[in-house]
C-alpha cells in the first residue's frame, strides 16, 4: 500500500507507512500534547515568538515536532527512530509495470512540499534530487530522512520556520505543501488503473463541504486580500481536479477546530476522530463510482462490497 499527504496529511501518511494501524493512529492522536508543537522557545508566545519572527522566518521553530515524530516512528512496527525513504522502498512492484508507474509507486510514502524560492511544487522524496542540506551535502531520494520531508510539508507559512535547503549556491525556502497542492489524491494515478486511490480531506464546519468564499472589504482590505490570495494558491489546482476526486474522497467536517489549534482538548480530539469515522463509514457504504484524473472509471467501494 502506498500513501501520500500534505501538511497534517503528511504526518498521518508517514505513520501509516511506518506500520501504524487505525487503533495505533487513534492512540497517537489522543496522546499528543499539541501545545508543545508551538515551540516558541524562551518567553513563550509573548517573547519567544517575537524573537523568532525577528531572527527566523516564522514564530515557531518546529524542532519539537521533529523529535515527537522520531519518537512515534521508533515506537512503530518499523522500529526506526530516523528512517530514510530507502527504508520505505517497495520490493513488490510487478515486473511488467512501466518505468513511469514504477517510479511513482517506488516508495510507500510521498509527501508534498513547496519551494517558494523557485515557485515549485516538490513531490518528495523524488524531487529532492539537486538540493543540498545546510552543510552542502547532496540530498538523494533514498537518503532523505522521513522526518525532514514531513517537517518541510507541515511548515505552515509565517507560523513555522521554513526549512532552508541549498541549490545552485543559493538558499531555497521550503514550506507547507498545501500552498500548491493540499490534496494530492491524483499522485498515484496511472494507465491503466493499477489500484484505486482514496483520499481523506478535512473541511471546516459541521455539515457537507460548501464552496469557499473570501470577502475582501474596503477599507482595510490588505489582510483579507492576502488571505484570499493564499487560499487561491492553495486550492486552485486541487479544485480544478475536483471532478476526478469527489467520488474517491472522504470529506471530514472539523467543526470550529482550526489547523493551528494547539490547545486541542481531549474532547475535541474525540469529536474529530468520530467525525472521521462517521464520514469514512458512510463513504465506503454508499459510494458506487470511481473516477481518476484520466477519466478512467471503475466500481466504487460500495459496489465492490455488494459483489
Protein backbone atom coordinates (compact mmCIF):
# COMPACT_ATOMS: atom_id res chain seq x y z
CA UNK A 1 0.00 0.00 0.00
CA UNK A 2 1.24 3.48 -0.91
CA UNK A 3 0.22 6.61 0.99
CA UNK A 4 0.71 10.32 0.38
CA UNK A 5 -0.19 13.53 2.12
CA UNK A 6 0.34 17.24 2.57
CA UNK A 7 0.93 19.07 5.85
CA UNK A 8 -1.12 17.29 8.56
CA UNK A 9 -1.87 14.60 5.98
CA UNK A 10 1.86 14.03 5.55
CA UNK A 11 2.14 13.34 9.29
CA UNK A 12 -0.64 10.76 9.17
CA UNK A 13 0.73 9.22 5.97
CA UNK A 14 4.21 8.83 7.46
CA UNK A 15 2.78 6.97 10.45
CA UNK A 16 0.74 4.67 8.20
CA UNK A 17 3.82 3.97 6.07
CA UNK A 18 5.71 3.09 9.26
CA UNK A 19 3.08 0.45 10.06
CA UNK A 20 0.57 2.10 12.39
CA UNK A 21 -2.96 0.73 12.08
CA UNK A 22 -6.20 2.62 12.81
CA UNK A 23 -6.09 1.86 16.52
CA UNK A 24 -2.47 2.96 16.73
CA UNK A 25 -3.17 6.23 14.95
CA UNK A 26 -6.08 6.91 17.27
CA UNK A 27 -3.84 6.45 20.29
CA UNK A 28 -1.17 8.73 18.83
CA UNK A 29 -3.79 11.39 18.22
CA UNK A 30 -5.11 11.24 21.76
CA UNK A 31 -1.70 11.10 23.45
CA UNK A 32 -0.12 14.05 21.62
CA UNK A 33 0.47 17.24 23.61
CA UNK A 34 -0.38 19.66 20.80
CA UNK A 35 0.59 22.70 22.83
CA UNK A 36 4.25 21.69 22.59
CA UNK A 37 4.12 21.78 18.78
CA UNK A 38 4.04 25.57 19.07
CA UNK A 39 7.66 25.73 20.25
CA UNK A 40 8.23 29.45 20.57
CA UNK A 41 11.18 28.94 22.92
CA UNK A 42 12.13 31.06 25.91
CA UNK A 43 9.43 33.56 26.82
CA UNK A 44 6.61 31.70 25.10
CA UNK A 45 4.30 33.35 22.61
CA UNK A 46 4.79 36.82 24.03
CA UNK A 47 8.60 36.97 23.88
CA UNK A 48 9.83 33.84 22.12
CA UNK A 49 7.52 34.19 19.13
CA UNK A 50 8.57 37.82 18.66
CA UNK A 51 12.26 36.92 18.81
CA UNK A 52 11.74 34.07 16.33
CA UNK A 53 9.95 36.43 13.95
CA UNK A 54 12.98 38.72 14.04
CA UNK A 55 15.67 36.05 13.83
CA UNK A 56 13.87 33.47 11.67
CA UNK A 57 11.03 33.42 9.16
CA UNK A 58 8.34 32.05 11.46
CA UNK A 59 7.23 32.41 15.06
CA UNK A 60 7.71 28.73 15.97
CA UNK A 61 10.83 26.66 15.36
CA UNK A 62 9.30 23.28 14.52
CA UNK A 63 12.03 21.38 16.35
CA UNK A 64 9.75 19.78 18.93
CA UNK A 65 7.66 18.32 16.13
CA UNK A 66 10.68 16.55 14.65
CA UNK A 67 11.55 14.93 17.97
CA UNK A 68 7.92 13.96 18.50
CA UNK A 69 7.71 12.29 15.10
CA UNK A 70 11.02 10.49 15.63
CA UNK A 71 9.66 9.04 18.88
CA UNK A 72 6.47 7.87 17.15
CA UNK A 73 8.48 6.22 14.35
CA UNK A 74 10.70 4.48 16.92
CA UNK A 75 7.54 3.06 18.53
CA UNK A 76 6.09 1.96 15.19
CA UNK A 77 6.34 -1.52 13.63
CA UNK A 78 9.18 -0.09 11.51
CA UNK A 79 11.20 0.31 14.76
CA UNK A 80 13.46 3.03 13.37
CA UNK A 81 13.73 6.43 15.01
CA UNK A 82 15.09 8.27 11.98
CA UNK A 83 14.26 6.21 8.87
CA UNK A 84 15.02 7.33 5.34
CA UNK A 85 12.80 6.81 2.33
CA UNK A 86 15.13 3.97 1.39
CA UNK A 87 13.66 2.14 4.39
CA UNK A 88 10.23 2.52 2.78
CA UNK A 89 11.13 1.34 -0.73
CA UNK A 90 8.77 -1.29 -2.12
CA UNK A 91 10.01 -4.66 -3.29
CA UNK A 92 6.71 -5.97 -4.69
CA UNK A 93 6.26 -3.84 -7.81
CA UNK A 94 5.24 -6.10 -10.75
CA UNK A 95 8.00 -6.65 -13.30
CA UNK A 96 5.67 -5.62 -16.14
CA UNK A 97 4.99 -2.17 -14.61
CA UNK A 98 6.03 0.77 -16.76
CA UNK A 99 9.04 2.85 -15.77
CA UNK A 100 6.76 5.82 -15.05
CA UNK A 101 4.45 3.78 -12.82
CA UNK A 102 7.35 2.04 -11.12
CA UNK A 103 8.90 5.39 -10.16
CA UNK A 104 5.53 6.76 -8.98
CA UNK A 105 4.97 3.87 -6.56
CA UNK A 106 8.59 3.09 -5.71
CA UNK A 107 8.30 4.41 -2.17
CA UNK A 108 5.46 3.59 0.19
CA UNK A 109 5.32 7.26 1.23
CA UNK A 110 5.25 10.51 -0.75
CA UNK A 111 4.70 13.99 0.66
CA UNK A 112 4.13 17.39 -0.92
CA UNK A 113 6.17 20.50 -0.08
CA UNK A 114 6.56 23.93 -1.70
CA UNK A 115 9.80 25.60 -2.75
CA UNK A 116 8.73 29.25 -2.51
CA UNK A 117 12.14 30.47 -3.67
CA UNK A 118 11.65 28.75 -7.02
CA UNK A 119 7.83 28.64 -7.16
CA UNK A 120 7.93 24.87 -7.43
CA UNK A 121 5.88 22.01 -6.05
CA UNK A 122 8.06 19.26 -4.57
CA UNK A 123 6.83 15.67 -4.56
CA UNK A 124 9.16 14.06 -2.07
CA UNK A 125 11.36 12.11 -1.99
CA UNK A 126 11.98 12.12 -5.76
CA UNK A 127 12.08 15.91 -6.18
CA UNK A 128 14.79 16.34 -3.51
CA UNK A 129 17.41 15.46 -6.13
CA UNK A 130 19.50 18.54 -6.92
CA UNK A 131 19.20 20.06 -3.46
CA UNK A 132 21.80 20.15 -0.68
CA UNK A 133 21.42 20.42 3.07
CA UNK A 134 22.66 23.43 5.03
CA UNK A 135 26.17 21.91 5.16
CA UNK A 136 26.38 21.44 1.41
CA UNK A 137 25.75 17.68 1.38
CA UNK A 138 23.79 16.48 -1.68
CA UNK A 139 20.36 15.08 -0.88
CA UNK A 140 19.00 11.94 -2.55
CA UNK A 141 15.60 10.30 -2.71
CA UNK A 142 16.79 7.16 -0.96
CA UNK A 143 18.74 9.03 1.70
CA UNK A 144 16.17 11.71 2.54
CA UNK A 145 15.01 11.37 6.15
CA UNK A 146 11.28 10.88 6.53
CA UNK A 147 11.15 13.32 9.46
CA UNK A 148 12.85 16.03 7.40
CA UNK A 149 10.43 15.58 4.49
CA UNK A 150 7.37 15.73 6.73
CA UNK A 151 8.79 18.78 8.52
CA UNK A 152 9.03 20.51 5.13
CA UNK A 153 5.46 19.58 4.25
CA UNK A 154 3.93 20.89 7.50
CA UNK A 155 5.84 24.22 7.61
CA UNK A 156 2.76 26.46 7.76
CA UNK A 157 3.88 29.85 6.36
CA UNK A 158 4.51 32.61 8.91
CA UNK A 159 3.94 30.21 11.81
CA UNK A 160 6.69 27.58 11.43
CA UNK A 161 10.19 28.50 10.35
CA UNK A 162 10.68 27.27 6.75
CA UNK A 163 13.20 24.53 6.07
CA UNK A 164 16.25 26.00 4.30
CA UNK A 165 17.97 23.94 1.61
CA UNK A 166 20.72 24.88 -0.82
CA UNK A 167 20.62 24.72 -4.60
CA UNK A 168 22.98 26.24 -7.16
CA UNK A 169 24.75 28.10 -4.37
CA UNK A 170 21.61 29.82 -3.08
CA UNK A 171 19.20 29.30 -0.19
CA UNK A 172 15.81 27.80 -1.02
CA UNK A 173 12.95 28.10 1.48
CA UNK A 174 10.69 25.06 1.71
CA UNK A 175 7.23 25.46 3.25
CA UNK A 176 3.86 23.75 3.62
CA UNK A 177 2.95 21.66 0.59
CA UNK A 178 -0.63 22.86 0.92
CA UNK A 179 0.48 26.15 -0.63
CA UNK A 180 0.49 24.38 -4.01
CA UNK A 181 -1.46 21.15 -3.54
CA UNK A 182 -3.41 20.49 -0.38
CA UNK A 183 -4.88 17.20 -1.53
CA UNK A 184 -2.63 15.06 -3.78
CA UNK A 185 -5.07 12.20 -4.37
CA UNK A 186 -4.00 12.27 -8.04
CA UNK A 187 -0.45 11.26 -7.18
CA UNK A 188 -0.73 7.53 -7.82
CA UNK A 189 -3.00 7.62 -10.89
CA UNK A 190 -1.72 5.59 -13.81
CA UNK A 191 -2.87 3.97 -17.03
CA UNK A 192 -4.50 1.54 -16.66
CA UNK A 193 -5.82 1.70 -13.08
CA UNK A 194 -3.45 -0.49 -11.08
CA UNK A 195 -5.00 0.12 -7.68
CA UNK A 196 -7.73 2.58 -6.68
CA UNK A 197 -6.66 5.61 -4.64
CA UNK A 198 -8.87 7.01 -1.90
CA UNK A 199 -8.32 10.30 -0.08
CA UNK A 200 -9.34 11.89 3.20
CA UNK A 201 -9.85 15.64 3.24
CA UNK A 202 -10.70 17.89 6.18
CA UNK A 203 -13.04 20.84 5.80
CA UNK A 204 -14.37 23.42 8.28
CA UNK A 205 -17.94 23.35 9.54
CA UNK A 206 -20.18 20.54 10.67
CA UNK A 207 -22.19 19.69 7.56
CA UNK A 208 -21.35 18.92 3.92
CA UNK A 209 -18.46 20.84 2.42
CA UNK A 210 -19.52 24.16 0.87
CA UNK A 211 -17.58 26.31 -1.64
CA UNK A 212 -15.06 28.63 -0.04
CA UNK A 213 -15.75 32.35 -0.23
CA UNK A 214 -13.26 35.05 0.80
CA UNK A 215 -14.76 38.53 1.23
CA UNK A 216 -12.34 41.44 0.71
CA UNK A 217 -13.92 44.54 2.26
CA UNK A 218 -12.90 48.18 1.88
CA UNK A 219 -11.11 49.87 3.58
CA UNK A 220 -8.55 47.73 5.49
CA UNK A 221 -8.56 45.26 2.63
CA UNK A 222 -4.89 44.26 2.73
CA UNK A 223 -5.03 41.37 5.23
CA UNK A 224 -8.21 39.95 3.69
CA UNK A 225 -6.66 40.12 0.23
CA UNK A 226 -3.54 38.24 1.38
CA UNK A 227 -5.75 35.55 2.92
CA UNK A 228 -7.79 35.25 -0.29
CA UNK A 229 -4.64 35.03 -2.42
CA UNK A 230 -3.14 32.33 -0.21
CA UNK A 231 -6.32 30.28 -0.38
CA UNK A 232 -6.43 30.62 -4.16
CA UNK A 233 -2.81 29.47 -4.42
CA UNK A 234 -3.53 26.57 -2.07
CA UNK A 235 -6.80 25.33 -3.53
CA UNK A 236 -6.90 26.24 -7.22
CA UNK A 237 -5.21 23.11 -8.59
CA UNK A 238 -6.98 20.70 -6.28
CA UNK A 239 -10.38 22.26 -7.01
CA UNK A 240 -9.65 22.05 -10.74
CA UNK A 241 -9.24 18.32 -10.20
CA UNK A 242 -12.38 18.08 -8.06
CA UNK A 243 -14.50 16.15 -10.56
CA UNK A 244 -11.87 13.42 -10.61
CA UNK A 245 -11.51 13.38 -6.83
CA UNK A 246 -15.02 13.79 -5.43
CA UNK A 247 -16.06 10.16 -5.92
CA UNK A 248 -12.93 8.84 -4.23
CA UNK A 249 -12.68 11.30 -1.36
CA UNK A 250 -13.91 11.10 2.22
CA UNK A 251 -14.64 14.67 3.33
CA UNK A 252 -14.44 15.11 7.09
CA UNK A 253 -16.03 18.05 8.94
CA UNK A 254 -13.73 19.64 11.54
CA UNK A 255 -16.40 21.90 13.12
CA UNK A 256 -14.77 25.05 14.51
CA UNK A 257 -11.34 23.47 15.08
CA UNK A 258 -8.63 25.20 13.05
CA UNK A 259 -5.37 23.88 11.61
CA UNK A 260 -3.27 25.77 14.16
CA UNK A 261 -5.39 24.97 17.21
CA UNK A 262 -2.63 23.79 19.53
CA UNK A 263 -4.89 23.98 22.58
CA UNK A 264 -6.83 20.94 21.36
CA UNK A 265 -8.64 19.28 24.28
CA UNK A 266 -9.26 15.55 24.58
CA UNK A 267 -12.97 16.10 23.94
CA UNK A 268 -12.19 17.91 20.68
CA UNK A 269 -9.83 15.12 19.63
CA UNK A 270 -12.60 12.61 20.32
CA UNK A 271 -15.03 14.68 18.24
CA UNK A 272 -12.60 14.87 15.33
CA UNK A 273 -11.99 11.13 15.48
CA UNK A 274 -15.70 10.35 15.49
CA UNK A 275 -16.30 12.78 12.65
CA UNK A 276 -13.71 10.98 10.53
CA UNK A 277 -15.03 7.55 11.44
CA UNK A 278 -18.61 8.51 10.58
CA UNK A 279 -17.63 10.12 7.28
CA UNK A 280 -15.49 7.16 6.19
CA UNK A 281 -18.13 4.61 7.18
CA UNK A 282 -20.79 6.43 5.17
CA UNK A 283 -18.50 6.88 2.16
CA UNK A 284 -17.45 3.26 1.85
CA UNK A 285 -21.05 2.14 2.45
CA UNK A 286 -22.63 4.28 -0.25
CA UNK A 287 -20.14 5.31 -2.98
CA UNK A 288 -20.66 3.19 -6.08
CA UNK A 289 -18.40 5.05 -8.55
CA UNK A 290 -14.68 5.51 -9.06
CA UNK A 291 -13.06 8.04 -11.40
CA UNK A 292 -9.46 9.21 -11.78
CA UNK A 293 -7.81 12.23 -13.40
CA UNK A 294 -7.55 10.42 -16.75
CA UNK A 295 -11.30 9.79 -16.88
CA UNK A 296 -10.86 6.09 -16.19
CA UNK A 297 -13.74 4.52 -14.28
CA UNK A 298 -14.05 1.52 -12.00
CA UNK A 299 -16.56 0.15 -9.48
CA UNK A 300 -16.73 2.12 -6.25
CA UNK A 301 -16.23 0.61 -2.78
CA UNK A 302 -19.94 0.06 -2.13
CA UNK A 303 -20.37 -1.74 -5.44
CA UNK A 304 -17.38 -3.95 -4.73
CA UNK A 305 -18.81 -4.88 -1.34
CA UNK A 306 -22.11 -5.85 -2.94
CA UNK A 307 -20.25 -8.00 -5.43
